[in-house]
Amino acid sequence: MRKPPTFQKLDVRFGEPTFPASATIAFEDNSGQKTQSAQQITVLAGKRGTWILELTPHERLPKGSKVAFRKLERDFRFAYRHQHHWPDAMNYVTVVDQRGQALPFECDTCLKSAVWAVVTLRRDWDPGKKIVIRMGDQREGGAGSYAQPNSYERARVAAGVMLEGDQVYRAAPGAMVSIKVVPCPPVKQYYVLAPSTVLPGQTFTTVVLPVDINGNAMDASRDIEIVPSGGTLEAIRETDLQTLHADVALKEQGVVRLKLQDRARGITAQSNPVRVSSGADYHVYWGELHWHGFDAVELNVLNDNTHPDKPSSTAETSPGSTFAPWARISFDTAPRQCTNGGNCIEKQPRNTTRKAAR
């Protein structure tokens, strides 16, 4: 049953002494594949399914005790925002005992959630009895939860127990679980990166990076063709960084792109534009210049680091910068105006635009 969300960020801190417990984690994706329940598992990037975490305390827990589960890596997303109010939505969290009976709990519902659950025990809890948490529970029509699309070496979820009189949670080292996210084969795309400007006849290196559907680097294969328009391919070398290096020389002046073909997979790709000129007086950096308000407390919140003035001032003071970009941000802060008849008219949001040039 849906209910209005309550946005909250829970304070879960671990300290001494420790508490004896064990835990396992598993991921069941929507294709029906399920990892083995273990303390450490490996999952494919970008898969959608349900996380299942089971904790087993090894000592009795008295009534009123709290059991908390919190992820440790700030930059890893088991879910961008947890929730326990919409069963048919993404990242729905549930907590039950080993018989499937629901247990009372709270979870983070703020942006960049960290706390999976804080469970309050309404009865004495015997050792050996499990507490089962599901993130992305789909048993009531939920949409599941995604494994982070980019590969990650180790993401951990820690557990702790707070007994009566405790100020912080007693860490349970034996109940810490971790996952490793690996690329999802096969190769779906190639990045072909070449210098922006070269001299006619100059040999230069082009970097070829194969990636999966999510953009994660895959092991390179030399069974590809690189076609330099108006030039020659001199050599292709493997590296220890999952890339190939192609030595290319272009003879004719102008702007060209290198073409790549992977006939076995039916994939084609092309490089950034390469300017071939003997009198180049400037070099172009090919890229998308943009700005992230990554440190905002919540979406659409202005602070010193997310204000439109910040990217311009940063670019102006950066060594070697020759210009600063436009920064355009729209915030719908205008109030709603309603007529007596009840028809609401929204004012247009104000656009804040800044430009700085050197």
Protein backbone atom coordinates (compact mmCIF):
# COMPACT_ATOMS: atom_id res chain seq x y z
CA MET A 1 0.00 0.00 0.00
CA ARG A 2 1.39 3.37 -0.99
CA LYS A 3 1.79 6.05 1.65
CA PRO A 4 3.35 9.53 1.63
CA PRO A 5 7.15 9.35 1.91
CA THR A 6 9.01 10.65 4.92
CA PHE A 7 12.46 11.82 3.85
CA GLN A 8 15.07 11.08 6.46
CA LYS A 9 18.78 10.48 6.93
CA LEU A 10 19.53 8.13 9.81
CA ASP A 11 22.58 8.45 12.05
CA VAL A 12 24.29 5.04 12.31
CA ARG A 13 27.76 5.07 13.90
CA PHE A 14 29.79 2.02 14.84
CA GLY A 15 32.00 1.74 17.91
CA GLU A 16 33.24 -0.64 20.60
CA PRO A 17 32.69 -3.30 21.82
CA THR A 18 31.86 -5.67 18.97
CA PHE A 19 28.98 -8.12 18.60
CA PRO A 20 29.24 -11.71 17.28
CA ALA A 21 27.17 -12.28 14.15
CA SER A 22 27.48 -13.52 10.57
CA ALA A 23 25.81 -12.45 7.33
CA THR A 24 25.47 -13.31 3.65
CA ILE A 25 24.33 -11.36 0.60
CA ALA A 26 22.92 -12.48 -2.75
CA PHE A 27 21.59 -10.82 -5.90
CA GLU A 28 18.75 -12.31 -7.93
CA ASP A 29 18.42 -10.58 -11.31
CA ASN A 30 15.26 -10.40 -13.37
CA SER A 31 16.44 -13.07 -15.80
CA GLY A 32 16.18 -15.61 -12.97
CA GLN A 33 19.92 -15.84 -12.32
CA LYS A 34 20.89 -15.72 -8.65
CA THR A 35 24.33 -15.51 -7.13
CA GLN A 36 25.25 -17.88 -4.36
CA SER A 37 24.50 -16.46 -0.90
CA ALA A 38 27.92 -15.63 0.52
CA GLN A 39 29.82 -12.98 2.44
CA GLN A 40 31.46 -11.83 -0.82
CA ILE A 41 29.76 -12.04 -4.22
CA THR A 42 30.36 -10.89 -7.80
CA VAL A 43 27.58 -9.34 -9.91
CA LEU A 44 27.31 -8.08 -13.49
CA ALA A 45 27.12 -4.32 -13.92
CA GLY A 46 23.74 -2.81 -14.74
CA LYS A 47 21.59 -5.86 -13.98
CA ARG A 48 18.21 -5.28 -12.34
CA GLY A 49 16.94 -7.50 -9.57
CA THR A 50 16.76 -7.86 -5.79
CA TRP A 51 19.49 -7.70 -3.14
CA ILE A 52 18.95 -10.21 -0.31
CA LEU A 53 20.96 -9.73 2.90
CA GLU A 54 20.61 -12.21 5.79
CA LEU A 55 22.07 -11.62 9.25
CA THR A 56 22.40 -14.29 11.95
CA PRO A 57 23.24 -13.10 15.50
CA HIS A 58 25.34 -15.50 17.55
CA GLU A 59 24.17 -14.21 20.93
CA ARG A 60 20.76 -13.46 22.37
CA LEU A 61 19.38 -9.99 21.67
CA PRO A 62 16.94 -8.61 24.28
CA LYS A 63 13.67 -6.96 23.33
CA GLY A 64 14.17 -3.34 22.26
CA SER A 65 17.59 -3.92 20.72
CA LYS A 66 18.31 -2.26 17.37
CA VAL A 67 20.11 -3.86 14.44
CA ALA A 68 21.48 -1.52 11.75
CA PHE A 69 22.84 -2.08 8.25
CA ARG A 70 24.82 0.67 6.49
CA LYS A 71 26.90 0.78 3.33
CA LEU A 72 30.46 2.05 3.81
CA GLU A 73 31.62 3.30 0.40
CA ARG A 74 30.16 6.77 -0.13
CA ASP A 75 30.60 6.70 -3.92
CA PHE A 76 28.88 3.34 -4.44
CA ARG A 77 25.14 3.14 -5.06
CA PHE A 78 23.22 0.02 -4.07
CA ALA A 79 20.35 2.43 -4.66
CA TYR A 80 20.43 6.17 -5.16
CA ARG A 81 17.48 6.59 -2.80
CA HIS A 82 16.04 3.82 -0.60
CA GLN A 83 12.33 3.77 0.16
CA HIS A 84 9.84 1.69 2.12
CA HIS A 85 6.57 3.42 1.23
CA TRP A 86 5.86 2.39 -2.41
CA PRO A 87 5.89 -1.41 -2.86
CA ASP A 88 5.51 -1.12 -6.64
CA ALA A 89 8.39 1.34 -7.13
CA MET A 90 12.19 1.06 -7.39
CA ASN A 91 14.42 0.22 -4.42
CA TYR A 92 11.61 -0.91 -2.12
CA VAL A 93 13.08 -2.19 1.17
CA THR A 94 11.50 -4.89 3.36
CA VAL A 95 12.67 -6.65 6.55
CA VAL A 96 11.32 -9.99 7.80
CA ASP A 97 12.29 -12.76 10.19
CA GLN A 98 13.21 -16.25 8.99
CA ARG A 99 9.51 -17.22 8.95
CA GLY A 100 8.66 -14.30 6.68
CA GLN A 101 6.97 -12.16 9.33
CA ALA A 102 7.51 -8.41 8.85
CA LEU A 103 9.75 -6.62 11.35
CA PRO A 104 9.46 -2.90 12.21
CA PHE A 105 12.28 -0.83 10.72
CA GLU A 106 13.34 2.51 9.29
CA CYS A 107 15.66 3.23 6.37
CA ASP A 108 17.34 6.20 4.71
CA THR A 109 15.05 7.85 2.19
CA CYS A 110 17.29 10.83 1.46
CA LEU A 111 19.31 11.44 -1.67
CA LYS A 112 22.42 9.20 -1.75
CA SER A 113 21.04 6.86 0.88
CA ALA A 114 23.45 4.90 3.07
CA VAL A 115 21.43 3.10 5.75
CA TRP A 116 19.62 0.02 4.42
CA ALA A 117 17.64 -0.47 7.62
CA VAL A 118 17.49 0.06 11.37
CA VAL A 119 15.43 -2.79 12.79
CA THR A 120 13.85 -2.51 16.26
CA LEU A 121 13.26 -5.90 17.86
CA ARG A 122 9.83 -6.17 19.52
CA ARG A 123 10.71 -9.46 21.22
CA ASP A 124 13.74 -11.28 22.55
CA TRP A 125 15.82 -12.63 19.67
CA ASP A 126 17.44 -16.04 20.02
CA PRO A 127 20.89 -16.72 18.55
CA GLY A 128 20.78 -18.42 15.15
CA LYS A 129 17.51 -16.79 14.04
CA LYS A 130 17.90 -14.76 10.83
CA ILE A 131 16.93 -11.21 9.96
CA VAL A 132 16.31 -10.92 6.21
CA ILE A 133 16.51 -7.61 4.29
CA ARG A 134 15.47 -7.19 0.68
CA MET A 135 16.49 -4.13 -1.32
CA GLY A 136 14.43 -3.83 -4.49
CA ASP A 137 11.84 -6.31 -3.24
CA GLN A 138 9.59 -7.25 -6.19
CA ARG A 139 7.16 -9.59 -4.45
CA GLU A 140 4.46 -6.88 -4.40
CA GLY A 141 5.06 -5.67 -7.94
CA GLY A 142 8.15 -3.56 -7.27
CA ALA A 143 10.57 -2.57 -10.03
CA GLY A 144 13.63 -4.00 -8.27
CA SER A 145 17.01 -2.38 -7.83
CA TYR A 146 19.93 -1.98 -10.24
CA ALA A 147 23.44 -3.22 -9.70
CA GLN A 148 25.62 -0.15 -10.23
CA PRO A 149 26.34 0.15 -13.97
CA ASN A 150 30.04 0.90 -13.57
CA SER A 151 32.45 -1.77 -12.38
CA TYR A 152 33.60 -1.57 -8.76
CA GLU A 153 36.21 -3.59 -6.90
CA ARG A 154 34.58 -3.82 -3.47
CA ALA A 155 31.44 -2.29 -1.96
CA ARG A 156 30.63 -3.19 1.63
CA VAL A 157 27.59 -3.25 3.90
CA ALA A 158 28.35 -3.26 7.64
CA ALA A 159 26.05 -4.41 10.44
CA GLY A 160 25.88 -3.39 14.08
CA VAL A 161 23.77 -3.86 17.20
CA MET A 162 22.67 -1.26 19.76
CA LEU A 163 21.72 -2.63 23.18
CA GLU A 164 19.97 -0.78 25.97
CA GLY A 165 22.25 1.96 27.29
CA ASP A 166 24.51 2.05 24.21
CA GLN A 167 25.19 5.37 22.48
CA VAL A 168 26.60 3.88 19.26
CA TYR A 169 26.18 0.57 17.48
CA ARG A 170 28.42 -2.36 18.34
CA ALA A 171 30.05 -3.36 15.06
CA ALA A 172 29.65 -6.97 13.92
CA PRO A 173 32.85 -7.64 11.96
CA GLY A 174 31.75 -11.14 10.99
CA ALA A 175 28.56 -9.75 9.43
CA MET A 176 30.20 -7.37 6.96
CA VAL A 177 29.31 -8.35 3.38
CA SER A 178 30.82 -7.09 0.14
CA ILE A 179 30.18 -7.22 -3.60
CA LYS A 180 32.34 -6.83 -6.68
CA VAL A 181 30.78 -5.40 -9.85
CA VAL A 182 32.28 -6.61 -13.13
CA PRO A 183 31.60 -5.61 -16.77
CA CYS A 184 28.62 -7.21 -18.50
CA PRO A 185 29.79 -8.90 -21.71
CA PRO A 186 29.90 -8.74 -24.69
CA VAL A 187 31.70 -5.72 -26.17
CA LYS A 188 29.05 -3.25 -27.38
CA GLN A 189 31.05 -0.18 -28.38
CA TYR A 190 34.56 1.13 -29.06
CA TYR A 191 36.08 4.44 -28.04
CA VAL A 192 38.65 5.62 -30.60
CA LEU A 193 40.74 8.51 -29.24
CA ALA A 194 43.21 10.37 -31.45
CA PRO A 195 45.17 13.64 -31.13
CA SER A 196 43.32 16.77 -32.18
CA THR A 197 46.11 18.09 -34.43
CA VAL A 198 48.99 16.33 -36.23
CA LEU A 199 51.55 17.12 -38.91
CA PRO A 200 51.29 15.53 -42.37
CA GLY A 201 53.21 12.23 -42.34
CA GLN A 202 53.66 12.32 -38.56
CA THR A 203 53.21 8.97 -36.81
CA PHE A 204 50.86 9.27 -33.86
CA THR A 205 49.16 6.88 -31.45
CA THR A 206 45.41 6.27 -31.41
CA VAL A 207 43.92 4.63 -28.32
CA VAL A 208 41.19 2.02 -28.84
CA LEU A 209 39.06 1.04 -25.84
CA PRO A 210 36.33 -1.64 -26.08
CA VAL A 211 33.48 -1.25 -23.57
CA ASP A 212 30.35 -3.13 -22.51
CA ILE A 213 26.81 -1.78 -22.76
CA ASN A 214 27.41 0.39 -19.66
CA GLY A 215 30.75 1.83 -20.79
CA ASN A 216 32.98 -0.43 -18.66
CA ALA A 217 36.34 -1.37 -20.17
CA MET A 218 36.52 -4.87 -21.65
CA ASP A 219 39.54 -6.93 -22.68
CA ALA A 220 40.76 -5.80 -26.10
CA SER A 221 40.99 -8.05 -29.15
CA ARG A 222 43.30 -7.42 -32.08
CA ASP A 223 40.71 -8.80 -34.50
CA ILE A 224 39.68 -5.31 -35.59
CA GLU A 225 40.42 -3.07 -38.56
CA ILE A 226 41.39 0.59 -38.40
CA VAL A 227 41.01 2.50 -41.65
CA PRO A 228 42.88 5.82 -41.74
CA SER A 229 41.47 7.99 -44.52
CA GLY A 230 44.39 9.27 -46.64
CA GLY A 231 47.02 7.56 -44.50
CA THR A 232 48.54 4.28 -43.34
CA LEU A 233 48.16 1.98 -40.33
CA GLU A 234 51.68 1.09 -39.21
CA ALA A 235 51.09 -1.16 -36.17
CA ILE A 236 48.62 -2.24 -33.46
CA ARG A 237 49.95 -2.95 -29.98
CA GLU A 238 48.28 -4.44 -26.91
CA THR A 239 48.64 -2.80 -23.50
CA ASP A 240 48.02 -3.89 -19.91
CA LEU A 241 45.19 -1.34 -19.57
CA GLN A 242 42.56 -3.19 -21.68
CA THR A 243 43.33 -0.92 -24.63
CA LEU A 244 44.96 -1.19 -28.03
CA HIS A 245 47.41 1.40 -29.36
CA ALA A 246 47.36 1.93 -33.12
CA ASP A 247 50.24 3.78 -34.81
CA VAL A 248 48.86 5.84 -37.68
CA ALA A 249 50.28 8.39 -40.16
CA LEU A 250 48.10 10.74 -42.21
CA LYS A 251 49.53 12.36 -45.34
CA GLU A 252 46.91 14.74 -46.70
CA GLN A 253 46.04 18.00 -45.00
CA GLY A 254 42.49 18.52 -43.80
CA VAL A 255 40.17 17.21 -41.11
CA VAL A 256 39.59 13.45 -40.98
CA ARG A 257 38.25 10.75 -38.69
CA LEU A 258 39.71 7.28 -38.24
CA LYS A 259 37.26 4.43 -38.77
CA LEU A 260 37.21 1.16 -36.82
CA GLN A 261 35.49 -2.07 -37.81
CA ASP A 262 34.87 -5.17 -35.68
CA ARG A 263 33.40 -7.52 -38.27
CA ALA A 264 32.96 -10.41 -35.84
CA ARG A 265 30.63 -8.36 -33.62
CA GLY A 266 29.21 -6.11 -36.33
CA ILE A 267 30.46 -2.95 -34.61
CA THR A 268 31.80 0.18 -36.30
CA ALA A 269 33.22 3.28 -34.63
CA GLN A 270 35.08 6.46 -35.54
CA SER A 271 37.52 8.74 -33.80
CA ASN A 272 37.24 12.38 -32.91
CA PRO A 273 38.13 14.79 -35.74
CA VAL A 274 41.89 14.97 -36.46
CA ARG A 275 43.22 18.16 -38.00
CA VAL A 276 46.16 17.45 -40.33
CA SER A 277 48.06 20.67 -40.94
CA SER A 278 51.65 21.81 -41.34
CA GLY A 279 50.85 25.30 -40.07
CA ALA A 280 48.60 24.70 -37.09
CA ASP A 281 48.74 27.67 -34.74
CA TYR A 282 46.42 26.21 -32.11
CA HIS A 283 45.35 22.82 -30.76
CA VAL A 284 41.74 21.88 -30.13
CA TYR A 285 40.69 19.80 -27.13
CA TRP A 286 37.72 17.65 -28.11
CA GLY A 287 35.38 17.14 -25.21
CA GLU A 288 32.13 18.12 -23.54
CA LEU A 289 32.72 20.95 -21.11
CA HIS A 290 30.07 20.86 -18.38
CA TRP A 291 29.55 21.22 -14.65
CA HIS A 292 28.28 18.98 -11.83
CA GLY A 293 26.71 20.20 -8.60
CA PHE A 294 27.82 16.96 -6.96
CA ASP A 295 28.03 18.31 -3.44
CA ALA A 296 24.48 19.65 -3.15
CA VAL A 297 22.64 18.41 -0.08
CA GLU A 298 19.59 17.70 -2.22
CA LEU A 299 18.56 18.23 -5.83
CA ASN A 300 17.96 21.86 -6.83
CA VAL A 301 19.63 23.31 -3.77
CA LEU A 302 21.90 26.30 -4.30
CA ASN A 303 25.00 26.64 -2.18
CA ASP A 304 28.49 28.08 -2.60
CA ASN A 305 29.62 25.19 -4.78
CA THR A 306 26.54 24.78 -6.98
CA HIS A 307 25.72 28.40 -7.75
CA PRO A 308 26.02 29.32 -11.47
CA ASP A 309 28.80 31.76 -10.61
CA LYS A 310 31.05 28.94 -9.39
CA PRO A 311 31.97 27.29 -12.73
CA SER A 312 32.76 30.63 -14.31
CA SER A 313 35.00 31.74 -11.44
CA THR A 314 36.70 28.33 -11.36
CA ALA A 315 37.42 28.41 -15.08
CA GLU A 316 38.73 31.96 -14.87
CA THR A 317 41.27 31.05 -12.20
CA SER A 318 42.33 27.67 -13.64
CA PRO A 319 45.87 27.66 -15.08
CA GLY A 320 45.92 27.51 -18.86
CA SER A 321 42.21 28.24 -19.26
CA THR A 322 41.44 30.54 -22.17
CA PHE A 323 37.71 30.85 -21.65
CA ALA A 324 34.90 30.10 -19.23
CA PRO A 325 31.65 28.43 -20.28
CA TRP A 326 28.11 29.61 -20.07
CA ALA A 327 26.35 28.25 -16.98
CA ARG A 328 22.59 27.99 -17.31
CA ILE A 329 20.47 26.64 -14.48
CA SER A 330 16.69 26.80 -14.05
CA PHE A 331 15.15 26.64 -10.60
CA ASP A 332 11.40 26.65 -10.31
CA THR A 333 11.24 28.77 -7.17
CA ALA A 334 8.32 30.95 -8.25
CA PRO A 335 5.15 30.50 -6.16
CA ARG A 336 1.96 29.05 -7.58
CA GLN A 337 -0.90 31.50 -8.05
CA CYS A 338 -4.48 30.23 -7.86
CA THR A 339 -7.59 32.03 -8.99
CA ASN A 340 -10.78 32.01 -6.99
CA GLY A 341 -12.10 29.35 -9.35
CA GLY A 342 -9.38 26.97 -8.28
CA ASN A 343 -7.43 27.00 -11.54
CA CYS A 344 -3.74 27.23 -10.70
CA ILE A 345 -1.36 29.12 -12.96
CA GLU A 346 2.34 28.48 -12.56
CA LYS A 347 4.77 31.32 -13.16
CA GLN A 348 7.58 30.54 -15.56
CA PRO A 349 10.83 29.58 -13.78
CA ARG A 350 13.55 32.15 -13.78
CA ASN A 351 16.70 31.37 -15.76
CA THR A 352 20.00 32.37 -14.22
CA THR A 353 22.69 32.88 -16.84
CA ARG A 354 26.32 33.77 -16.32
CA LYS A 355 29.16 34.24 -18.76
CA ALA A 356 32.79 35.07 -18.23
CA ALA A 357 35.48 35.48 -20.85
CA ARG A 358 39.19 36.19 -20.75
